[in-house]
Amino acid sequence: MKKLMGVAMLAGATVAGAGVASADEPTISGSVTLATDYVYRGISQTENGPAIQGSFDYTNGNFYAGVWGSNVDFGGYSGISVDVPMELDIYAGITPTIGPVSADFGVIGYFYPGADEDQLASGEWNYWELKAAGSVNPSEALTLGAALYWSPELAGDGGDGLYYEVNGALALSDAFSLSGAVGQQSADATGYFTTTGANVDEYTTWNFGGTLAKHGFEFDLRYSGTDEDLTNFFDNEVAGDKFTLAISRSL
């Protein structure tokens, strides 16, 4: 059962507020997003279905904190539904400038209110990660960065979890930009991620897309993929090459 829980264990978000730019005065902001899929590090958290997401963020100087939420759907196994109604992420950190590097050091907690702990063979759903990231601007339009996320215990007794990536963004105008990333996720537990005919404890993921800001909305079309054909409890593929459209509005 622990092996079959693999994809569900890798839940969480590309946290919208983690790494927001510092401000001179305290600010509170929010956002709401509609997406055709909730893809986290290459894996669908909604069984390839749509997602409604929202966030609230507080910033004060180089300190930030916030909360982010989304519906999730981890399918089921042997006719038993995996009862996890939602994901709620709470995060905080600092964004100092170190020479030419804009840094981001933070902590992220991944919580699943109402989740049935009895559906895990061991451990619990909730877990947390430490984050260390940095970026530089070779030019006004170009940003290059890298990030590292580490968890001492992934959900369901997954052991140490490590994710690292390189990323970049290019602003082609005030309204349109391109961005992408390549990363690798690993877990200490053997066979933590499910796949057809093999035990997988690490995989590589990537994404590339464009974001257009228009009339107060942001439209993001993104192509993502993984090097493993990961499946969920129903043996439905939840990782691989796919396009995702997200429409966001600041509150």
Protein backbone atom coordinates (compact mmCIF):
# COMPACT_ATOMS: atom_id res chain seq x y z
CA MET A 1 0.00 0.00 0.00
CA LYS A 2 2.83 2.39 0.78
CA LYS A 3 4.24 1.92 -2.71
CA LEU A 4 0.82 2.52 -4.24
CA MET A 5 0.46 5.76 -2.29
CA GLY A 6 3.52 7.19 -4.04
CA VAL A 7 1.99 9.81 -6.32
CA ALA A 8 -0.47 10.94 -3.68
CA MET A 9 2.42 11.48 -1.30
CA LEU A 10 4.06 13.95 -3.64
CA ALA A 11 1.46 16.63 -3.09
CA GLY A 12 1.98 20.32 -2.64
CA ALA A 13 2.26 23.42 -4.79
CA THR A 14 4.52 25.67 -6.65
CA VAL A 15 3.72 28.14 -3.93
CA ALA A 16 2.44 31.36 -5.42
CA GLY A 17 3.64 33.59 -2.63
CA ALA A 18 7.00 32.04 -1.74
CA GLY A 19 9.65 34.43 -2.96
CA VAL A 20 7.61 37.57 -3.42
CA ALA A 21 9.63 40.74 -3.85
CA SER A 22 10.32 42.82 -0.76
CA ALA A 23 8.41 46.03 -0.18
CA ASP A 24 9.15 49.21 1.81
CA GLU A 25 5.81 49.04 3.63
CA PRO A 26 3.77 46.07 4.92
CA THR A 27 1.39 44.84 2.24
CA ILE A 28 -1.37 42.24 2.06
CA SER A 29 -2.30 40.74 -1.30
CA GLY A 30 -4.27 37.82 -2.65
CA SER A 31 -5.09 35.93 -5.82
CA VAL A 32 -7.52 33.43 -7.27
CA THR A 33 -6.69 30.97 -10.06
CA LEU A 34 -8.67 28.67 -12.32
CA ALA A 35 -6.57 25.95 -14.00
CA THR A 36 -7.22 23.02 -16.30
CA ASP A 37 -5.00 20.88 -14.03
CA TYR A 38 -3.01 21.24 -10.80
CA VAL A 39 0.46 20.07 -11.80
CA TYR A 40 3.07 19.94 -9.04
CA ARG A 41 6.62 19.06 -10.08
CA GLY A 42 5.28 17.33 -13.15
CA ILE A 43 2.54 15.32 -11.39
CA SER A 44 -1.18 16.06 -11.53
CA GLN A 45 -2.68 16.52 -8.05
CA THR A 46 -6.25 16.53 -9.42
CA GLU A 47 -6.15 13.32 -11.50
CA ASN A 48 -5.77 15.43 -14.66
CA GLY A 49 -8.85 17.47 -13.73
CA PRO A 50 -9.45 21.20 -13.16
CA ALA A 51 -8.43 23.14 -10.06
CA ILE A 52 -9.60 26.22 -8.17
CA GLN A 53 -6.83 27.85 -6.15
CA GLY A 54 -6.37 30.92 -3.98
CA SER A 55 -3.71 32.66 -1.90
CA PHE A 56 -3.20 35.44 0.63
CA ASP A 57 0.25 36.95 1.25
CA TYR A 58 1.81 39.37 3.71
CA THR A 59 5.12 41.15 3.05
CA ASN A 60 7.14 43.50 5.22
CA GLY A 61 10.58 44.48 3.98
CA ASN A 62 12.29 41.23 2.97
CA PHE A 63 9.98 39.08 5.12
CA TYR A 64 6.99 37.26 3.63
CA ALA A 65 4.34 34.84 4.86
CA GLY A 66 1.23 33.43 3.30
CA VAL A 67 -1.29 30.70 2.74
CA TRP A 68 -2.27 28.91 -0.48
CA GLY A 69 -5.05 26.39 -1.11
CA SER A 70 -6.37 24.09 -3.84
CA ASN A 71 -8.74 21.22 -4.39
CA VAL A 72 -6.99 17.86 -4.93
CA ASP A 73 -8.01 14.42 -6.18
CA PHE A 74 -5.75 11.41 -5.63
CA GLY A 75 -8.15 8.84 -7.11
CA GLY A 76 -8.59 5.52 -5.36
CA TYR A 77 -7.42 1.91 -5.19
CA SER A 78 -9.41 -1.36 -5.31
CA GLY A 79 -12.66 0.59 -5.39
CA ILE A 80 -11.75 2.65 -2.30
CA SER A 81 -11.56 6.39 -2.82
CA VAL A 82 -8.59 8.25 -1.32
CA ASP A 83 -10.44 10.80 0.79
CA VAL A 84 -8.34 13.99 0.65
CA PRO A 85 -10.62 16.97 -0.06
CA MET A 86 -8.09 19.81 -0.23
CA GLU A 87 -4.50 20.98 0.19
CA LEU A 88 -3.55 23.97 2.33
CA ASP A 89 0.02 25.33 2.25
CA ILE A 90 1.40 27.73 4.86
CA TYR A 91 4.77 29.36 4.20
CA ALA A 92 7.15 32.05 5.41
CA GLY A 93 10.63 33.26 4.60
CA ILE A 94 13.01 36.09 3.84
CA THR A 95 14.27 37.49 0.53
CA PRO A 96 17.66 39.14 1.17
CA THR A 97 19.93 40.48 -1.55
CA ILE A 98 23.43 38.99 -1.42
CA GLY A 99 25.65 40.82 -3.89
CA PRO A 100 24.08 40.26 -7.34
CA VAL A 101 21.87 37.40 -6.05
CA SER A 102 18.24 37.82 -5.01
CA ALA A 103 17.92 35.06 -2.42
CA ASP A 104 14.90 33.32 -0.90
CA PHE A 105 15.13 31.24 2.29
CA GLY A 106 11.90 29.83 3.64
CA VAL A 107 9.82 27.00 5.05
CA ILE A 108 6.64 25.49 3.57
CA GLY A 109 4.09 23.32 5.36
CA TYR A 110 1.80 21.09 3.28
CA PHE A 111 -1.46 20.28 5.08
CA TYR A 112 -4.51 18.21 4.07
CA PRO A 113 -7.48 19.16 6.28
CA GLY A 114 -10.02 16.38 6.59
CA ALA A 115 -7.73 13.71 5.12
CA ASP A 116 -8.30 10.15 6.38
CA GLU A 117 -5.04 9.09 8.03
CA ASP A 118 -6.25 5.45 8.08
CA GLN A 119 -5.80 5.33 4.30
CA LEU A 120 -2.03 5.54 4.74
CA ALA A 121 -0.11 2.35 5.45
CA SER A 122 2.13 4.39 7.76
CA GLY A 123 3.03 7.98 8.58
CA GLU A 124 0.72 10.92 7.95
CA TRP A 125 -0.34 13.19 5.12
CA ASN A 126 1.08 16.49 6.42
CA TYR A 127 4.76 17.32 5.87
CA TRP A 128 7.06 20.32 5.44
CA GLU A 129 10.04 21.51 3.38
CA LEU A 130 12.90 23.95 3.72
CA LYS A 131 13.62 26.13 0.70
CA ALA A 132 16.81 27.86 -0.50
CA ALA A 133 16.70 29.69 -3.82
CA GLY A 134 18.50 32.44 -5.67
CA SER A 135 18.35 34.32 -8.94
CA VAL A 136 20.41 36.80 -10.92
CA ASN A 137 19.58 39.26 -13.70
CA PRO A 138 22.18 39.22 -16.49
CA SER A 139 20.02 41.83 -18.19
CA GLU A 140 16.88 43.80 -17.36
CA ALA A 141 14.71 41.27 -19.20
CA LEU A 142 16.46 38.00 -18.28
CA THR A 143 16.34 36.18 -14.93
CA LEU A 144 18.28 32.98 -14.20
CA GLY A 145 17.86 31.01 -11.00
CA ALA A 146 18.14 27.80 -9.03
CA ALA A 147 16.21 26.36 -6.08
CA LEU A 148 16.58 23.55 -3.54
CA TYR A 149 13.78 22.05 -1.42
CA TRP A 150 14.40 19.49 1.34
CA SER A 151 11.97 17.62 3.58
CA PRO A 152 13.09 15.45 6.53
CA GLU A 153 10.05 13.19 6.11
CA LEU A 154 7.74 13.09 3.11
CA ALA A 155 4.12 12.09 3.64
CA GLY A 156 3.50 8.42 4.33
CA ASP A 157 6.97 7.70 5.75
CA GLY A 158 8.67 8.61 2.47
CA GLY A 159 11.91 9.53 4.25
CA ASP A 160 14.09 12.42 3.11
CA GLY A 161 12.73 14.24 0.10
CA LEU A 162 14.93 16.40 -2.14
CA TYR A 163 13.93 18.54 -5.10
CA TYR A 164 16.28 20.84 -6.99
CA GLU A 165 15.88 22.80 -10.20
CA VAL A 166 17.34 25.42 -12.50
CA ASN A 167 14.96 27.98 -13.96
CA GLY A 168 14.80 31.08 -16.08
CA ALA A 169 12.45 33.80 -17.30
CA LEU A 170 12.56 36.26 -20.18
CA ALA A 171 10.33 39.35 -20.31
CA LEU A 172 9.57 40.08 -23.94
CA SER A 173 7.37 43.07 -23.05
CA ASP A 174 5.64 44.62 -20.06
CA ALA A 175 2.74 42.22 -20.62
CA PHE A 176 4.30 38.99 -21.92
CA SER A 177 7.07 36.73 -20.63
CA LEU A 178 8.49 33.25 -21.18
CA SER A 179 9.69 31.00 -18.35
CA GLY A 180 10.77 27.44 -17.70
CA ALA A 181 12.50 25.05 -15.32
CA VAL A 182 14.16 21.62 -15.18
CA GLY A 183 14.30 19.76 -11.87
CA GLN A 184 14.68 16.40 -10.16
CA GLN A 185 12.60 14.99 -7.30
CA SER A 186 13.83 12.10 -5.14
CA ALA A 187 12.62 10.22 -2.06
CA ASP A 188 14.55 8.09 0.40
CA ALA A 189 11.91 5.33 0.46
CA THR A 190 12.43 2.72 -2.26
CA GLY A 191 9.64 2.72 -4.86
CA TYR A 192 8.01 5.81 -3.34
CA PHE A 193 6.66 6.97 -6.71
CA THR A 194 4.38 4.54 -8.52
CA THR A 195 4.87 3.67 -12.17
CA THR A 196 3.84 0.89 -14.49
CA GLY A 197 6.05 -2.18 -13.99
CA ALA A 198 8.82 -0.52 -11.96
CA ASN A 199 9.68 0.94 -8.57
CA VAL A 200 10.74 4.59 -8.83
CA ASP A 201 12.32 6.72 -6.11
CA GLU A 202 13.38 9.65 -8.32
CA TYR A 203 12.37 11.31 -11.55
CA THR A 204 13.15 14.38 -13.67
CA THR A 205 10.54 16.99 -14.57
CA TRP A 206 10.47 20.09 -16.75
CA ASN A 207 8.11 22.88 -17.78
CA PHE A 208 8.09 25.73 -20.28
CA GLY A 209 5.44 28.33 -21.02
CA GLY A 210 4.32 31.89 -21.53
CA THR A 211 2.42 34.32 -19.32
CA LEU A 212 0.30 37.18 -20.64
CA ALA A 213 -1.01 39.98 -18.39
CA LYS A 214 -4.16 41.58 -19.79
CA HIS A 215 -6.99 43.63 -18.23
CA GLY A 216 -6.03 42.66 -14.69
CA PHE A 217 -5.75 38.94 -15.45
CA GLU A 218 -2.78 36.66 -16.05
CA PHE A 219 -3.05 33.88 -18.62
CA ASP A 220 -0.41 31.16 -18.36
CA LEU A 221 -0.08 28.36 -20.92
CA ARG A 222 2.49 25.78 -19.85
CA TYR A 223 3.90 22.54 -21.24
CA SER A 224 5.26 20.11 -18.64
CA GLY A 225 6.60 16.59 -18.58
CA THR A 226 8.45 13.86 -16.67
CA ASP A 227 10.86 11.11 -17.62
CA GLU A 228 8.73 8.48 -15.80
CA ASP A 229 5.15 7.43 -16.63
CA LEU A 230 3.85 7.78 -13.07
CA THR A 231 0.37 6.48 -12.25
CA ASN A 232 -2.11 6.88 -9.40
CA PHE A 233 -4.30 4.37 -7.53
CA PHE A 234 -6.54 3.75 -10.55
CA ASP A 235 -3.47 3.21 -12.77
CA ASN A 236 -4.36 6.45 -14.53
CA GLU A 237 -1.31 8.31 -15.78
CA VAL A 238 -0.84 11.52 -13.79
CA ALA A 239 2.60 12.51 -15.08
CA GLY A 240 3.95 12.97 -18.56
CA ASP A 241 3.77 15.47 -21.38
CA LYS A 242 0.79 17.82 -21.12
CA PHE A 243 -0.38 21.41 -21.60
CA THR A 244 -1.99 23.33 -18.74
CA LEU A 245 -3.86 26.65 -18.92
CA ALA A 246 -4.24 28.81 -15.81
CA ILE A 247 -6.11 32.12 -15.47
CA SER A 248 -5.28 34.23 -12.39
CA ARG A 249 -6.63 37.44 -10.94
CA SER A 250 -5.09 39.50 -8.13
CA LEU A 251 -7.46 40.49 -5.33
